[in-house]
N, C-alpha and C. Protein backbone atom coordinates (compact mmCIF):
# COMPACT_ATOMS: atom_id res chain seq x y z
N MET A 1 0.86 -1.12 0.00
CA MET A 1 -0.04 0.09 0.00
C MET A 1 0.78 1.20 0.07
N THR A 2 0.60 2.24 -0.86
CA THR A 2 1.19 3.45 -0.89
C THR A 2 1.01 4.36 0.17
N ALA A 3 2.02 4.91 0.77
CA ALA A 3 1.83 5.82 1.90
C ALA A 3 1.08 7.19 1.34
N ASN A 4 0.36 7.84 2.31
CA ASN A 4 -0.34 9.06 2.06
C ASN A 4 0.80 10.16 2.27
N PHE A 5 1.03 10.88 1.06
CA PHE A 5 1.98 11.88 0.93
C PHE A 5 1.34 13.30 1.05
N GLY A 6 0.09 13.31 1.43
CA GLY A 6 -0.61 14.61 1.64
C GLY A 6 -0.58 15.41 0.34
N ASN A 7 -0.15 16.62 0.31
CA ASN A 7 -0.19 17.57 -0.84
C ASN A 7 0.97 17.40 -1.82
N LEU A 8 1.90 16.41 -1.48
CA LEU A 8 2.96 16.19 -2.36
C LEU A 8 2.64 15.13 -3.33
N SER A 9 2.93 15.40 -4.59
CA SER A 9 2.59 14.46 -5.68
C SER A 9 3.62 13.48 -6.06
N LEU A 10 3.45 12.12 -6.20
CA LEU A 10 4.45 11.31 -6.69
C LEU A 10 4.61 11.54 -8.26
N ASP A 11 5.84 11.13 -8.60
CA ASP A 11 6.09 11.13 -10.11
C ASP A 11 6.14 12.69 -10.55
N THR A 12 6.43 13.56 -9.69
CA THR A 12 6.56 14.94 -9.88
C THR A 12 7.75 15.64 -9.25
N ILE A 13 8.38 16.49 -9.99
CA ILE A 13 9.53 17.32 -9.50
C ILE A 13 8.97 18.49 -8.81
N ILE A 14 9.15 18.67 -7.63
CA ILE A 14 8.56 19.68 -6.70
C ILE A 14 9.57 20.79 -6.43
N HIS A 15 9.18 22.09 -6.69
CA HIS A 15 10.04 23.29 -6.36
C HIS A 15 9.98 23.46 -4.84
N MET A 16 10.92 22.87 -4.10
CA MET A 16 10.84 23.04 -2.62
C MET A 16 12.22 22.71 -1.99
N ASP A 17 12.62 23.37 -0.93
CA ASP A 17 13.77 22.99 -0.24
C ASP A 17 13.57 21.57 0.32
N ILE A 18 14.54 20.75 0.33
CA ILE A 18 14.45 19.39 0.72
C ILE A 18 14.09 19.26 2.27
N ASN A 19 14.63 20.21 3.00
CA ASN A 19 14.13 19.95 4.49
C ASN A 19 12.56 20.29 4.74
N ASP A 20 12.08 21.13 4.00
CA ASP A 20 10.72 21.41 3.97
C ASP A 20 9.93 20.12 3.39
N GLY A 21 10.54 19.68 2.36
CA GLY A 21 9.79 18.48 1.77
C GLY A 21 9.80 17.32 2.53
N LEU A 22 10.98 17.04 3.19
CA LEU A 22 11.11 15.82 4.04
C LEU A 22 10.12 15.80 5.26
N LYS A 23 9.95 17.02 5.76
CA LYS A 23 9.01 17.06 6.91
C LYS A 23 7.60 16.74 6.58
N GLN A 24 7.21 16.75 5.32
CA GLN A 24 5.89 16.42 4.90
C GLN A 24 5.74 14.89 4.52
N LEU A 25 6.81 14.16 4.53
CA LEU A 25 6.88 12.64 4.23
C LEU A 25 6.73 11.84 5.40
N PRO A 26 5.87 10.82 5.35
CA PRO A 26 5.65 9.90 6.57
C PRO A 26 6.87 9.06 6.80
N ASP A 27 6.83 8.67 8.04
CA ASP A 27 7.99 7.71 8.48
C ASP A 27 7.90 6.45 7.57
N SER A 28 8.97 5.92 7.25
CA SER A 28 9.21 4.60 6.56
C SER A 28 8.31 4.54 5.35
N SER A 29 8.40 5.54 4.60
CA SER A 29 7.51 5.67 3.31
C SER A 29 8.36 5.52 2.04
N ILE A 30 9.63 5.42 2.14
CA ILE A 30 10.57 5.49 0.94
C ILE A 30 11.32 4.30 0.92
N ASP A 31 11.43 3.72 -0.23
CA ASP A 31 12.23 2.48 -0.48
C ASP A 31 13.69 2.67 -0.87
N LEU A 32 13.97 3.80 -1.46
CA LEU A 32 15.27 4.04 -1.93
C LEU A 32 15.61 5.50 -2.03
N ILE A 33 16.82 5.96 -1.64
CA ILE A 33 17.08 7.46 -1.75
C ILE A 33 18.29 7.56 -2.66
N ILE A 34 18.30 8.46 -3.68
CA ILE A 34 19.40 8.66 -4.55
C ILE A 34 19.64 10.17 -4.43
N ALA A 35 20.76 10.59 -3.81
CA ALA A 35 21.05 12.07 -3.43
C ALA A 35 22.25 12.48 -4.17
N ASP A 36 22.19 13.56 -4.71
CA ASP A 36 23.29 14.35 -5.40
C ASP A 36 23.43 15.71 -4.88
N PRO A 37 23.70 15.85 -3.54
CA PRO A 37 23.64 17.24 -2.90
C PRO A 37 24.75 18.11 -3.48
N PRO A 38 24.64 19.42 -3.23
CA PRO A 38 25.81 20.29 -3.33
C PRO A 38 26.97 19.62 -2.44
N TYR A 39 28.10 19.44 -2.94
CA TYR A 39 29.13 18.76 -2.30
C TYR A 39 29.83 19.64 -1.22
N GLY A 40 29.67 20.92 -1.27
CA GLY A 40 30.35 21.90 -0.43
C GLY A 40 31.75 22.21 -0.83
N ILE A 41 31.83 22.34 -2.16
CA ILE A 41 33.10 22.73 -2.78
C ILE A 41 33.12 24.04 -3.58
N ASN A 42 32.02 24.72 -3.59
CA ASN A 42 31.99 26.10 -4.28
C ASN A 42 32.33 25.76 -5.79
N TYR A 43 31.65 24.67 -6.29
CA TYR A 43 31.82 24.26 -7.68
C TYR A 43 31.24 25.31 -8.73
N ARG A 44 32.06 25.60 -9.70
CA ARG A 44 31.62 26.34 -10.84
C ARG A 44 31.99 25.64 -12.12
N SER A 45 30.94 25.61 -13.02
CA SER A 45 31.19 24.75 -14.21
C SER A 45 32.30 25.50 -15.01
N GLY A 46 33.11 24.68 -15.61
CA GLY A 46 34.15 25.35 -16.52
C GLY A 46 33.81 25.11 -17.95
N SER A 47 32.58 24.54 -18.17
CA SER A 47 32.20 24.21 -19.70
C SER A 47 32.27 25.51 -20.53
N ARG A 48 32.90 25.27 -21.65
CA ARG A 48 32.93 26.36 -22.57
C ARG A 48 31.65 26.38 -23.49
N LYS A 49 30.88 25.23 -23.35
CA LYS A 49 29.75 25.10 -24.31
C LYS A 49 28.42 25.48 -23.61
N ARG A 50 28.42 25.25 -22.29
CA ARG A 50 27.18 25.68 -21.50
C ARG A 50 27.62 26.39 -20.31
N LYS A 51 27.01 27.62 -20.08
CA LYS A 51 27.28 28.45 -18.90
C LYS A 51 26.28 28.25 -17.88
N PHE A 52 26.72 27.98 -16.71
CA PHE A 52 25.69 27.69 -15.52
C PHE A 52 26.26 28.67 -14.40
N THR A 53 25.08 29.03 -13.60
CA THR A 53 25.47 29.81 -12.37
C THR A 53 25.85 28.86 -11.35
N ALA A 54 26.35 29.51 -10.26
CA ALA A 54 26.83 28.84 -9.16
C ALA A 54 25.65 27.95 -8.51
N ILE A 55 26.01 26.91 -7.87
CA ILE A 55 24.89 26.02 -7.24
C ILE A 55 24.52 26.47 -5.88
N GLN A 56 23.30 26.69 -5.47
CA GLN A 56 22.94 27.22 -4.23
C GLN A 56 23.41 26.29 -3.19
N ASN A 57 23.91 26.74 -2.05
CA ASN A 57 24.30 26.02 -0.70
C ASN A 57 25.54 25.16 -1.09
N ASP A 58 26.38 25.52 -2.04
CA ASP A 58 27.59 24.62 -2.28
C ASP A 58 28.70 25.21 -1.53
N ASP A 59 28.56 26.20 -0.72
CA ASP A 59 29.70 26.66 -0.01
C ASP A 59 29.76 26.08 1.47
N ILE A 60 28.89 25.19 1.86
CA ILE A 60 28.82 24.41 3.14
C ILE A 60 28.58 22.88 2.79
N ILE A 61 28.94 22.18 3.89
CA ILE A 61 28.49 20.76 3.78
C ILE A 61 27.09 20.67 4.40
N MET A 62 26.12 20.73 3.34
CA MET A 62 24.67 20.78 3.68
C MET A 62 24.20 19.40 3.95
N ALA A 63 24.28 18.89 5.23
CA ALA A 63 23.92 17.57 5.52
C ALA A 63 22.75 17.45 6.63
N ASP A 64 22.11 18.65 6.86
CA ASP A 64 21.18 18.55 7.81
C ASP A 64 19.85 17.82 7.46
N TRP A 65 19.71 17.42 6.18
CA TRP A 65 18.59 16.68 5.79
C TRP A 65 18.73 15.04 5.96
N LEU A 66 19.89 14.73 6.41
CA LEU A 66 20.07 13.34 6.56
C LEU A 66 19.23 12.59 7.67
N ALA A 67 19.01 13.26 8.76
CA ALA A 67 18.39 12.61 9.87
C ALA A 67 16.87 12.37 9.44
N ASP A 68 16.34 13.36 8.75
CA ASP A 68 14.92 13.16 8.21
C ASP A 68 14.88 12.11 7.22
N ALA A 69 15.95 12.06 6.34
CA ALA A 69 16.02 11.04 5.30
C ALA A 69 16.04 9.66 5.93
N TYR A 70 16.79 9.47 6.93
CA TYR A 70 16.69 8.36 7.65
C TYR A 70 15.34 7.87 8.17
N ARG A 71 14.73 8.88 8.69
CA ARG A 71 13.34 8.65 9.26
C ARG A 71 12.32 8.07 8.15
N VAL A 72 12.42 8.75 6.95
CA VAL A 72 11.39 8.40 5.91
C VAL A 72 11.76 7.10 5.16
N LEU A 73 13.01 6.62 5.43
CA LEU A 73 13.46 5.37 4.65
C LEU A 73 12.92 4.21 5.30
N LYS A 74 12.33 3.26 4.64
CA LYS A 74 12.05 2.01 5.19
C LYS A 74 13.10 1.11 5.76
N ASN A 75 12.88 0.27 6.74
CA ASN A 75 13.96 -0.50 7.28
C ASN A 75 14.23 -1.52 6.08
N GLY A 76 15.64 -1.66 5.87
CA GLY A 76 15.99 -2.38 4.71
C GLY A 76 16.24 -1.65 3.49
N GLY A 77 15.89 -0.32 3.55
CA GLY A 77 16.18 0.51 2.43
C GLY A 77 17.68 0.99 2.30
N ALA A 78 17.94 1.67 1.20
CA ALA A 78 19.29 2.09 1.00
C ALA A 78 19.41 3.54 0.58
N LEU A 79 20.46 4.25 0.88
CA LEU A 79 20.81 5.53 0.54
C LEU A 79 22.10 5.51 -0.41
N TYR A 80 22.03 6.30 -1.45
CA TYR A 80 23.14 6.40 -2.41
C TYR A 80 23.33 7.95 -2.36
N CYS A 81 24.64 8.36 -2.01
CA CYS A 81 24.90 9.91 -1.94
C CYS A 81 26.15 10.10 -2.65
N TRP A 82 26.12 11.03 -3.61
CA TRP A 82 27.25 11.43 -4.33
C TRP A 82 28.19 12.36 -3.51
N THR A 83 29.49 12.27 -3.79
CA THR A 83 30.42 13.30 -3.14
C THR A 83 31.75 13.34 -4.05
N ARG A 84 32.62 14.02 -3.59
CA ARG A 84 33.96 14.03 -4.26
C ARG A 84 35.02 13.72 -3.30
N TRP A 85 36.21 13.32 -3.74
CA TRP A 85 37.28 12.83 -2.85
C TRP A 85 37.78 13.78 -1.73
N ASP A 86 37.69 15.11 -2.07
CA ASP A 86 38.25 16.12 -1.12
C ASP A 86 37.23 16.48 -0.02
N VAL A 87 35.93 16.10 -0.09
CA VAL A 87 35.03 16.29 0.99
C VAL A 87 34.52 14.89 1.46
N TYR A 88 35.06 13.83 0.92
CA TYR A 88 34.43 12.50 1.29
C TYR A 88 34.41 12.16 2.78
N THR A 89 35.48 12.65 3.50
CA THR A 89 35.45 12.22 4.94
C THR A 89 34.41 13.08 5.63
N GLU A 90 34.10 14.29 5.20
CA GLU A 90 33.09 15.03 6.02
C GLU A 90 31.65 14.32 5.62
N TRP A 91 31.48 13.93 4.44
CA TRP A 91 30.15 13.39 4.09
C TRP A 91 29.99 12.06 4.73
N TYR A 92 31.12 11.17 4.82
CA TYR A 92 31.21 9.91 5.53
C TYR A 92 30.80 10.15 6.96
N HIS A 93 31.46 11.08 7.60
CA HIS A 93 31.11 11.39 8.97
C HIS A 93 29.59 11.70 9.27
N ARG A 94 29.06 12.55 8.43
CA ARG A 94 27.68 12.97 8.54
C ARG A 94 26.65 11.81 8.22
N ILE A 95 26.93 11.01 7.22
CA ILE A 95 26.06 9.91 6.89
C ILE A 95 26.07 8.82 7.95
N THR A 96 27.23 8.55 8.51
CA THR A 96 27.42 7.41 9.38
C THR A 96 26.74 7.66 10.80
N GLN A 97 26.40 8.97 10.94
CA GLN A 97 25.68 9.26 12.25
C GLN A 97 24.23 8.64 12.32
N ASN A 98 23.71 8.38 11.04
CA ASN A 98 22.30 7.73 11.09
C ASN A 98 22.41 6.44 10.34
N PHE A 99 23.23 6.32 9.14
CA PHE A 99 23.12 5.19 8.31
C PHE A 99 24.34 4.28 8.65
N THR A 100 24.33 3.07 8.05
CA THR A 100 25.51 2.04 8.08
C THR A 100 26.13 2.10 6.68
N ILE A 101 27.20 2.57 6.68
CA ILE A 101 27.98 2.79 5.28
C ILE A 101 28.46 1.40 4.82
N LYS A 102 28.27 0.89 3.64
CA LYS A 102 28.76 -0.37 3.13
C LYS A 102 29.81 -0.32 2.15
N ASN A 103 29.81 0.80 1.30
CA ASN A 103 30.76 0.85 0.12
C ASN A 103 30.90 2.26 -0.15
N CYS A 104 32.18 2.48 -0.69
CA CYS A 104 32.39 3.74 -1.46
C CYS A 104 32.54 3.31 -2.93
N ILE A 105 31.37 3.59 -3.69
CA ILE A 105 31.50 3.14 -5.11
C ILE A 105 32.25 4.36 -5.97
N VAL A 106 33.18 3.90 -6.75
CA VAL A 106 33.78 4.85 -7.70
C VAL A 106 33.18 4.86 -9.05
N TRP A 107 32.72 6.00 -9.35
CA TRP A 107 32.27 6.27 -10.75
C TRP A 107 33.48 6.62 -11.57
N GLN A 108 33.85 5.81 -12.46
CA GLN A 108 34.96 6.00 -13.45
C GLN A 108 34.42 6.68 -14.76
N LYS A 109 34.51 8.00 -14.82
CA LYS A 109 34.02 8.64 -16.00
C LYS A 109 35.23 8.96 -16.94
N ASN A 110 34.75 9.45 -18.07
CA ASN A 110 35.81 9.78 -19.01
C ASN A 110 36.43 11.15 -18.49
N GLY A 111 37.80 11.22 -18.78
CA GLY A 111 38.66 12.26 -18.25
C GLY A 111 38.27 13.71 -18.55
N GLY A 112 38.86 14.61 -17.97
CA GLY A 112 38.65 15.98 -18.23
C GLY A 112 38.46 16.81 -16.93
N GLY A 113 38.02 17.96 -16.93
CA GLY A 113 37.74 18.73 -15.76
C GLY A 113 38.82 19.88 -15.76
N MET A 114 38.39 20.75 -14.68
CA MET A 114 39.27 21.97 -14.57
C MET A 114 40.31 21.72 -13.54
N GLY A 115 40.96 22.83 -13.04
CA GLY A 115 41.90 22.70 -12.00
C GLY A 115 43.16 23.09 -12.41
N ASP A 116 44.30 22.60 -11.79
CA ASP A 116 45.70 22.80 -12.17
C ASP A 116 46.13 22.01 -13.45
N LEU A 117 45.95 22.41 -14.65
CA LEU A 117 46.12 21.66 -15.82
C LEU A 117 47.61 21.16 -15.87
N ARG A 118 48.65 21.77 -15.32
CA ARG A 118 50.03 21.24 -15.40
C ARG A 118 50.53 20.76 -14.11
N GLY A 119 49.88 20.98 -13.10
CA GLY A 119 50.35 20.59 -11.76
C GLY A 119 49.50 19.45 -11.05
N ALA A 120 48.53 19.00 -11.71
CA ALA A 120 47.59 17.83 -11.03
C ALA A 120 47.15 17.00 -12.28
N TYR A 121 46.75 15.79 -11.78
CA TYR A 121 46.23 14.82 -12.69
C TYR A 121 44.83 15.11 -13.12
N SER A 122 44.45 14.72 -14.22
CA SER A 122 43.03 15.02 -14.79
C SER A 122 41.96 14.17 -13.91
N PRO A 123 40.94 14.84 -13.39
CA PRO A 123 40.07 14.12 -12.59
C PRO A 123 39.15 13.36 -13.47
N ALA A 124 39.06 11.99 -13.14
CA ALA A 124 38.29 11.08 -14.00
C ALA A 124 37.22 10.16 -13.14
N HIS A 125 37.05 10.62 -11.91
CA HIS A 125 36.16 9.80 -11.02
C HIS A 125 35.39 10.68 -10.10
N GLU A 126 34.33 10.07 -9.44
CA GLU A 126 33.63 10.65 -8.37
C GLU A 126 33.20 9.48 -7.38
N PHE A 127 32.94 9.92 -6.36
CA PHE A 127 32.59 8.86 -5.24
C PHE A 127 31.07 8.81 -4.99
N LEU A 128 30.55 7.64 -4.74
CA LEU A 128 29.19 7.38 -4.36
C LEU A 128 29.09 6.48 -3.17
N ILE A 129 28.68 7.11 -2.06
CA ILE A 129 28.52 6.45 -0.84
C ILE A 129 27.29 5.64 -0.80
N PHE A 130 27.38 4.36 -0.56
CA PHE A 130 26.31 3.38 -0.39
C PHE A 130 26.15 3.05 0.99
N ALA A 131 24.95 3.43 1.65
CA ALA A 131 24.61 3.28 2.99
C ALA A 131 23.28 2.62 3.12
N VAL A 132 23.01 2.02 4.23
CA VAL A 132 21.73 1.25 4.34
C VAL A 132 21.16 1.65 5.84
N LYS A 133 19.83 1.29 5.90
CA LYS A 133 19.05 1.28 7.13
C LYS A 133 18.70 -0.10 7.48
N ASP A 134 19.32 -0.83 8.51
CA ASP A 134 19.23 -2.08 8.73
C ASP A 134 19.82 -2.99 7.60
N ARG A 135 19.37 -4.19 7.44
CA ARG A 135 19.82 -5.05 6.41
C ARG A 135 19.39 -4.89 5.08
N HIS A 136 20.16 -4.50 4.10
CA HIS A 136 19.75 -4.26 2.75
C HIS A 136 20.38 -5.29 1.82
N ILE A 137 19.50 -6.01 1.00
CA ILE A 137 19.94 -7.08 0.14
C ILE A 137 19.90 -6.63 -1.23
N LEU A 138 21.12 -6.57 -1.96
CA LEU A 138 21.30 -6.21 -3.35
C LEU A 138 20.63 -7.29 -4.30
N ASN A 139 20.02 -6.83 -5.29
CA ASN A 139 19.44 -7.56 -6.37
C ASN A 139 20.58 -8.12 -7.33
N GLY A 140 20.26 -9.47 -7.94
CA GLY A 140 21.05 -9.96 -8.80
C GLY A 140 22.46 -10.43 -8.35
N LYS A 141 23.36 -10.70 -9.40
CA LYS A 141 24.73 -11.05 -9.10
C LYS A 141 25.51 -9.99 -8.52
N ARG A 142 26.58 -10.26 -7.80
CA ARG A 142 27.41 -9.29 -7.18
C ARG A 142 28.28 -8.59 -8.23
N ILE A 143 28.37 -7.30 -8.18
CA ILE A 143 29.25 -6.51 -9.14
C ILE A 143 30.22 -5.78 -8.48
N SER A 144 31.15 -5.17 -9.11
CA SER A 144 32.30 -4.41 -8.56
C SER A 144 31.85 -3.10 -8.11
N ASP A 145 32.65 -2.45 -7.23
CA ASP A 145 32.29 -1.05 -6.70
C ASP A 145 32.97 -0.03 -7.58
N VAL A 146 33.56 -0.41 -8.80
CA VAL A 146 33.90 0.54 -9.73
C VAL A 146 33.07 0.52 -10.84
N TRP A 147 32.47 1.62 -11.12
CA TRP A 147 31.34 1.63 -12.32
C TRP A 147 31.94 2.47 -13.33
N ALA A 148 32.29 1.98 -14.58
CA ALA A 148 32.90 2.70 -15.60
C ALA A 148 31.69 3.11 -16.64
N VAL A 149 31.25 4.25 -16.51
CA VAL A 149 30.14 4.87 -17.31
C VAL A 149 30.51 6.27 -17.84
N PRO A 150 30.67 6.50 -19.14
CA PRO A 150 30.90 7.76 -19.69
C PRO A 150 29.98 8.67 -19.26
N ARG A 151 30.53 9.99 -18.98
CA ARG A 151 29.61 11.06 -18.71
C ARG A 151 28.99 11.64 -19.93
N ASP A 152 27.88 12.42 -19.75
CA ASP A 152 26.96 12.80 -20.86
C ASP A 152 27.87 13.85 -21.67
N PRO A 153 27.65 13.96 -23.01
CA PRO A 153 28.34 14.93 -23.77
C PRO A 153 28.04 16.39 -23.21
N ALA A 154 28.92 17.24 -23.16
CA ALA A 154 28.82 18.61 -22.47
C ALA A 154 27.53 19.33 -23.09
N VAL A 155 27.22 19.22 -24.34
CA VAL A 155 26.27 19.89 -25.02
C VAL A 155 24.87 19.53 -24.68
N THR A 156 24.75 18.43 -23.87
CA THR A 156 23.46 17.91 -23.50
C THR A 156 23.19 18.25 -22.12
N TYR A 157 24.15 18.94 -21.34
CA TYR A 157 23.91 19.16 -19.95
C TYR A 157 22.82 20.33 -19.88
N ILE A 158 21.97 20.04 -18.88
CA ILE A 158 21.02 21.01 -18.35
C ILE A 158 21.21 21.51 -16.97
N HIS A 159 22.28 20.78 -16.33
CA HIS A 159 22.68 21.10 -15.02
C HIS A 159 24.21 20.98 -14.89
N PRO A 160 24.90 21.76 -14.16
CA PRO A 160 26.37 21.63 -14.02
C PRO A 160 26.91 20.41 -13.56
N THR A 161 26.13 19.71 -12.69
CA THR A 161 26.76 18.43 -12.09
C THR A 161 25.85 17.19 -12.65
N GLN A 162 25.48 17.21 -13.88
CA GLN A 162 24.63 16.20 -14.46
C GLN A 162 25.30 14.91 -14.43
N LYS A 163 24.59 13.84 -14.14
CA LYS A 163 25.18 12.54 -14.02
C LYS A 163 24.29 11.64 -15.22
N PRO A 164 24.97 10.76 -15.73
CA PRO A 164 24.24 9.83 -16.81
C PRO A 164 23.16 9.10 -16.12
N VAL A 165 22.11 8.92 -16.90
CA VAL A 165 20.86 8.19 -16.43
C VAL A 165 21.30 6.73 -16.15
N LYS A 166 22.35 6.19 -16.84
CA LYS A 166 22.79 4.90 -16.72
C LYS A 166 23.14 4.56 -15.28
N LEU A 167 23.72 5.50 -14.56
CA LEU A 167 24.14 5.21 -13.16
C LEU A 167 22.96 5.21 -12.25
N ALA A 168 21.93 5.98 -12.46
CA ALA A 168 20.64 5.80 -11.75
C ALA A 168 20.02 4.47 -12.00
N GLU A 169 20.11 4.09 -13.28
CA GLU A 169 19.38 2.74 -13.60
C GLU A 169 20.11 1.58 -12.85
N MET A 170 21.51 1.62 -12.72
CA MET A 170 22.27 0.68 -12.00
C MET A 170 21.80 0.59 -10.60
N ILE A 171 21.75 1.78 -9.86
CA ILE A 171 21.37 1.98 -8.42
C ILE A 171 19.88 1.36 -8.34
N ILE A 172 19.00 1.77 -9.15
CA ILE A 172 17.62 1.29 -9.02
C ILE A 172 17.55 -0.12 -9.30
N GLU A 173 18.22 -0.76 -10.25
CA GLU A 173 18.14 -2.19 -10.47
C GLU A 173 18.70 -2.90 -9.32
N LYS A 174 19.76 -2.48 -8.72
CA LYS A 174 20.29 -3.32 -7.57
C LYS A 174 19.64 -3.14 -6.27
N SER A 175 18.89 -1.90 -6.06
CA SER A 175 18.45 -1.59 -4.71
C SER A 175 16.89 -1.32 -4.64
N SER A 176 16.20 -1.71 -5.58
CA SER A 176 14.68 -1.52 -5.52
C SER A 176 13.93 -2.44 -6.33
N GLU A 177 12.66 -2.54 -6.21
CA GLU A 177 11.79 -3.37 -6.90
C GLU A 177 10.74 -2.63 -7.70
N PRO A 178 10.22 -3.17 -8.78
CA PRO A 178 9.09 -2.41 -9.60
C PRO A 178 8.00 -2.01 -8.52
N GLY A 179 7.61 -0.68 -8.61
CA GLY A 179 6.49 -0.04 -7.86
C GLY A 179 7.03 0.52 -6.60
N ASP A 180 8.34 0.41 -6.33
CA ASP A 180 8.81 1.07 -5.15
C ASP A 180 8.98 2.56 -5.31
N ILE A 181 9.17 3.24 -4.30
CA ILE A 181 9.11 4.75 -4.25
C ILE A 181 10.65 5.13 -4.07
N VAL A 182 11.22 5.92 -5.02
CA VAL A 182 12.47 6.57 -4.95
C VAL A 182 12.39 7.98 -4.58
N LEU A 183 13.14 8.36 -3.56
CA LEU A 183 13.26 9.72 -3.18
C LEU A 183 14.45 10.37 -3.76
N VAL A 184 14.25 11.51 -4.53
CA VAL A 184 15.41 12.21 -5.06
C VAL A 184 15.46 13.57 -4.48
N PRO A 185 16.31 13.85 -3.41
CA PRO A 185 16.26 15.06 -2.68
C PRO A 185 16.73 16.23 -3.39
N PHE A 186 17.62 16.03 -4.44
CA PHE A 186 18.21 17.17 -5.11
C PHE A 186 18.19 16.84 -6.54
N CYS A 187 17.13 17.25 -7.26
CA CYS A 187 16.82 16.65 -8.56
C CYS A 187 17.73 17.04 -9.62
N GLY A 188 18.25 18.16 -9.62
CA GLY A 188 19.17 18.68 -10.61
C GLY A 188 18.81 18.45 -11.95
N SER A 189 19.42 17.55 -12.81
CA SER A 189 19.02 17.46 -14.13
C SER A 189 17.91 16.47 -14.41
N GLY A 190 17.42 15.75 -13.38
CA GLY A 190 16.23 14.93 -13.53
C GLY A 190 16.66 13.60 -13.96
N GLY A 191 17.92 13.20 -13.96
CA GLY A 191 18.18 11.87 -14.65
C GLY A 191 17.79 10.75 -13.70
N ASP A 192 17.78 11.05 -12.40
CA ASP A 192 17.25 9.90 -11.63
C ASP A 192 15.81 9.70 -11.74
N CYS A 193 15.02 10.73 -11.95
CA CYS A 193 13.54 10.55 -12.24
C CYS A 193 13.31 9.94 -13.58
N VAL A 194 14.00 10.28 -14.60
CA VAL A 194 13.87 9.49 -15.78
C VAL A 194 14.27 8.05 -15.60
N ALA A 195 15.33 7.67 -14.98
CA ALA A 195 15.63 6.31 -14.72
C ALA A 195 14.44 5.59 -13.99
N ALA A 196 13.94 6.13 -12.84
CA ALA A 196 12.85 5.60 -12.13
C ALA A 196 11.66 5.31 -12.98
N LYS A 197 11.22 6.36 -13.78
CA LYS A 197 10.12 6.26 -14.71
C LYS A 197 10.32 5.06 -15.78
N ARG A 198 11.53 4.99 -16.23
CA ARG A 198 11.72 3.87 -17.30
C ARG A 198 11.76 2.55 -16.68
N MET A 199 12.06 2.41 -15.30
CA MET A 199 12.21 1.18 -14.76
C MET A 199 10.95 0.66 -13.92
N GLY A 200 9.91 1.48 -13.94
CA GLY A 200 8.65 1.04 -13.38
C GLY A 200 8.62 1.30 -11.90
N ARG A 201 9.39 2.41 -11.44
CA ARG A 201 9.37 2.91 -10.03
C ARG A 201 8.62 4.09 -10.04
N ARG A 202 8.04 4.45 -8.75
CA ARG A 202 7.48 5.80 -8.41
C ARG A 202 8.64 6.63 -7.94
N PHE A 203 8.46 7.83 -7.97
CA PHE A 203 9.39 8.76 -7.37
C PHE A 203 8.79 10.06 -6.82
N ILE A 204 9.39 10.63 -5.86
CA ILE A 204 9.24 12.00 -5.39
C ILE A 204 10.51 12.82 -5.28
N ALA A 205 10.48 13.86 -6.03
CA ALA A 205 11.81 14.69 -6.13
C ALA A 205 11.61 16.24 -5.86
N PHE A 206 12.64 16.65 -5.37
CA PHE A 206 12.66 18.06 -4.90
C PHE A 206 13.82 18.80 -5.50
N ASP A 207 13.77 20.18 -5.73
CA ASP A 207 14.87 20.94 -6.04
C ASP A 207 14.56 22.32 -5.62
N LEU A 208 15.58 23.12 -5.22
CA LEU A 208 15.34 24.38 -4.66
C LEU A 208 15.39 25.51 -5.76
N GLU A 209 16.08 25.13 -6.90
CA GLU A 209 16.18 26.13 -7.92
C GLU A 209 15.03 25.94 -9.08
N GLU A 210 14.37 26.90 -9.29
CA GLU A 210 13.17 26.82 -10.14
C GLU A 210 13.60 26.51 -11.62
N GLN A 211 14.76 27.10 -12.00
CA GLN A 211 15.20 26.83 -13.45
C GLN A 211 15.57 25.48 -13.73
N TYR A 212 16.00 24.72 -12.69
CA TYR A 212 16.22 23.20 -12.80
C TYR A 212 15.03 22.48 -12.74
N VAL A 213 14.10 22.77 -11.89
CA VAL A 213 12.88 22.09 -11.74
C VAL A 213 12.10 22.24 -13.18
N GLU A 214 12.09 23.33 -13.80
CA GLU A 214 11.51 23.38 -15.17
C GLU A 214 12.36 22.63 -16.15
N ALA A 215 13.54 22.72 -16.15
CA ALA A 215 14.34 21.93 -17.12
C ALA A 215 14.27 20.49 -17.01
N ALA A 216 14.25 19.98 -15.77
CA ALA A 216 14.17 18.57 -15.47
C ALA A 216 12.85 17.94 -15.76
N SER A 217 11.72 18.87 -15.49
CA SER A 217 10.44 18.49 -15.72
C SER A 217 10.14 18.26 -17.33
N ALA A 218 10.75 19.08 -18.07
CA ALA A 218 10.65 19.03 -19.43
C ALA A 218 11.41 17.80 -19.94
N ARG A 219 12.43 17.48 -19.35
CA ARG A 219 13.36 16.32 -19.83
C ARG A 219 12.51 15.12 -19.49
N LEU A 220 11.84 15.07 -18.28
CA LEU A 220 11.14 13.97 -17.85
C LEU A 220 9.90 13.71 -18.72
N THR A 221 9.24 14.86 -19.17
CA THR A 221 8.11 14.71 -20.17
C THR A 221 8.59 14.19 -21.48
N ALA A 222 9.71 14.55 -21.93
CA ALA A 222 10.38 14.11 -23.25
C ALA A 222 10.64 12.56 -23.07
N ALA A 223 11.04 12.09 -21.93
CA ALA A 223 11.32 10.72 -21.77
C ALA A 223 10.15 9.81 -21.76
C-alpha cells in the first residue's frame, strides 16, 4: 500500500527545499534514496559550451537533511549519496551518524575537468557512498564497486553536475523493486527521475532552484 504523501505528488519534481519537503513525508514511506547534494566545494562549471550559475548552498556541507532522510526510509532501504574525494571524509562522518555505510563506489567517468592543468592529474572519477538502514539485500549477481560509465556530452547538460541516467538505472536495479518509491532530494538534471520512470518505479523529487525544476520536468516529459 502506498503511503499518504498529503499535498506532495508522486512522479513529480517539486520546487521546494528538501528540508521542508522531508518534513511532509511519513515515516518509513521511501524504499530508496538517490542523493546528489551540493558537495560543499563551491563548484563552478568550467564548460565552454554551456554556462551555468553557481549551485545554491555549495559553500557548506549541507547535511542537515540526513536525519529526516533516515526517518522516511523503510527498514531495509538504501541511501546512495554522491560526493567528491576532497570532501568525502566529511560526508562519510555525517552519513554514518544515522546510516550504516557499506561501500564507497567509484564512478569512473571519461577524463577532463578543470583545476591545475599542469600541476595535477586530470580528474576522472567521483565517489558514491552506499549506505543502508538495517539489512539491505542487493538484487542480482554481485558486481564491482567501480562503475565505468561515460559522462554525458557537455552539449546535453541542463545542470552543471549532471550524471548519466545509466548510473541511476544501475542503482535502481540493484536496490529496489518495480513499484517502489524512490526519493530524489536534489533533482538537478532529473536523470534519476527519468531512470525511475523507465524502470517502473514511482518517485518523489525536490529541487530548490526553479530553473532546474523546469528543465528537469521538461526532460522527464520528453522521456
